[in-house]
Amino acid sequence: MVSFELLGVLYFVVTAVIAVLAVYALVLVVVFLRLWIRELKATQHPGGDK
């Protein structure tokens, strides 16, 4: 009985860690895409830079 509860807790922890890592990766992708798009726009418009 105790082993099943322990497995349930471990399963929950692993699932939570995977979910947090997925959200973190999604945020990183969004940030890098925004920076990349900004760089592309800057190269398209030579006068758009500082």
Protein backbone atom coordinates (compact mmCIF):
# COMPACT_ATOMS: atom_id res chain seq x y z
CA MET A 1 0.00 0.00 0.00
CA VAL A 2 2.72 2.45 0.96
CA SER A 3 4.62 1.75 -2.27
CA PHE A 4 1.55 2.66 -4.34
CA GLU A 5 1.21 5.96 -2.51
CA LEU A 6 4.90 6.65 -2.98
CA LEU A 7 4.62 5.86 -6.68
CA GLY A 8 1.64 8.21 -6.92
CA VAL A 9 3.60 11.03 -5.30
CA LEU A 10 6.61 10.37 -7.53
CA TYR A 11 4.36 10.30 -10.61
CA PHE A 12 2.81 13.62 -9.58
CA VAL A 13 6.23 15.20 -8.97
CA VAL A 14 7.60 14.01 -12.31
CA THR A 15 4.48 15.22 -14.13
CA ALA A 16 4.66 18.62 -12.41
CA VAL A 17 8.36 18.99 -13.29
CA ILE A 18 7.69 18.12 -16.94
CA ALA A 19 4.80 20.60 -17.07
CA VAL A 20 6.94 23.38 -15.54
CA LEU A 21 9.77 22.66 -17.99
CA ALA A 22 7.32 22.72 -20.91
CA VAL A 23 5.98 26.13 -19.83
CA TYR A 24 9.54 27.43 -19.35
CA ALA A 25 10.54 26.22 -22.82
CA LEU A 26 7.44 27.87 -24.31
CA VAL A 27 8.30 31.18 -22.64
CA LEU A 28 11.88 30.96 -23.94
CA VAL A 29 10.64 30.25 -27.46
CA VAL A 30 8.30 33.26 -27.35
CA VAL A 31 11.07 35.55 -26.06
CA PHE A 32 13.58 34.42 -28.67
CA LEU A 33 11.00 34.66 -31.46
CA ARG A 34 10.19 38.25 -30.45
CA LEU A 35 13.90 39.14 -30.41
CA TRP A 36 14.42 37.43 -33.79
CA ILE A 37 11.46 39.25 -35.35
CA ARG A 38 12.79 42.55 -33.98
CA GLU A 39 16.19 41.84 -35.55
CA LEU A 40 14.56 40.92 -38.87
CA LYS A 41 12.58 44.17 -38.88
CA ALA A 42 15.74 46.12 -38.04
CA THR A 43 17.60 44.56 -40.99
CA GLN A 44 14.69 45.23 -43.37
CA HIS A 45 14.57 48.92 -42.44
CA PRO A 46 18.14 50.27 -42.30
CA GLY A 47 16.99 53.56 -40.76
CA GLY A 48 14.94 51.82 -38.06
CA ASP A 49 17.96 51.22 -35.87
CA LYS A 50 18.97 53.62 -33.06
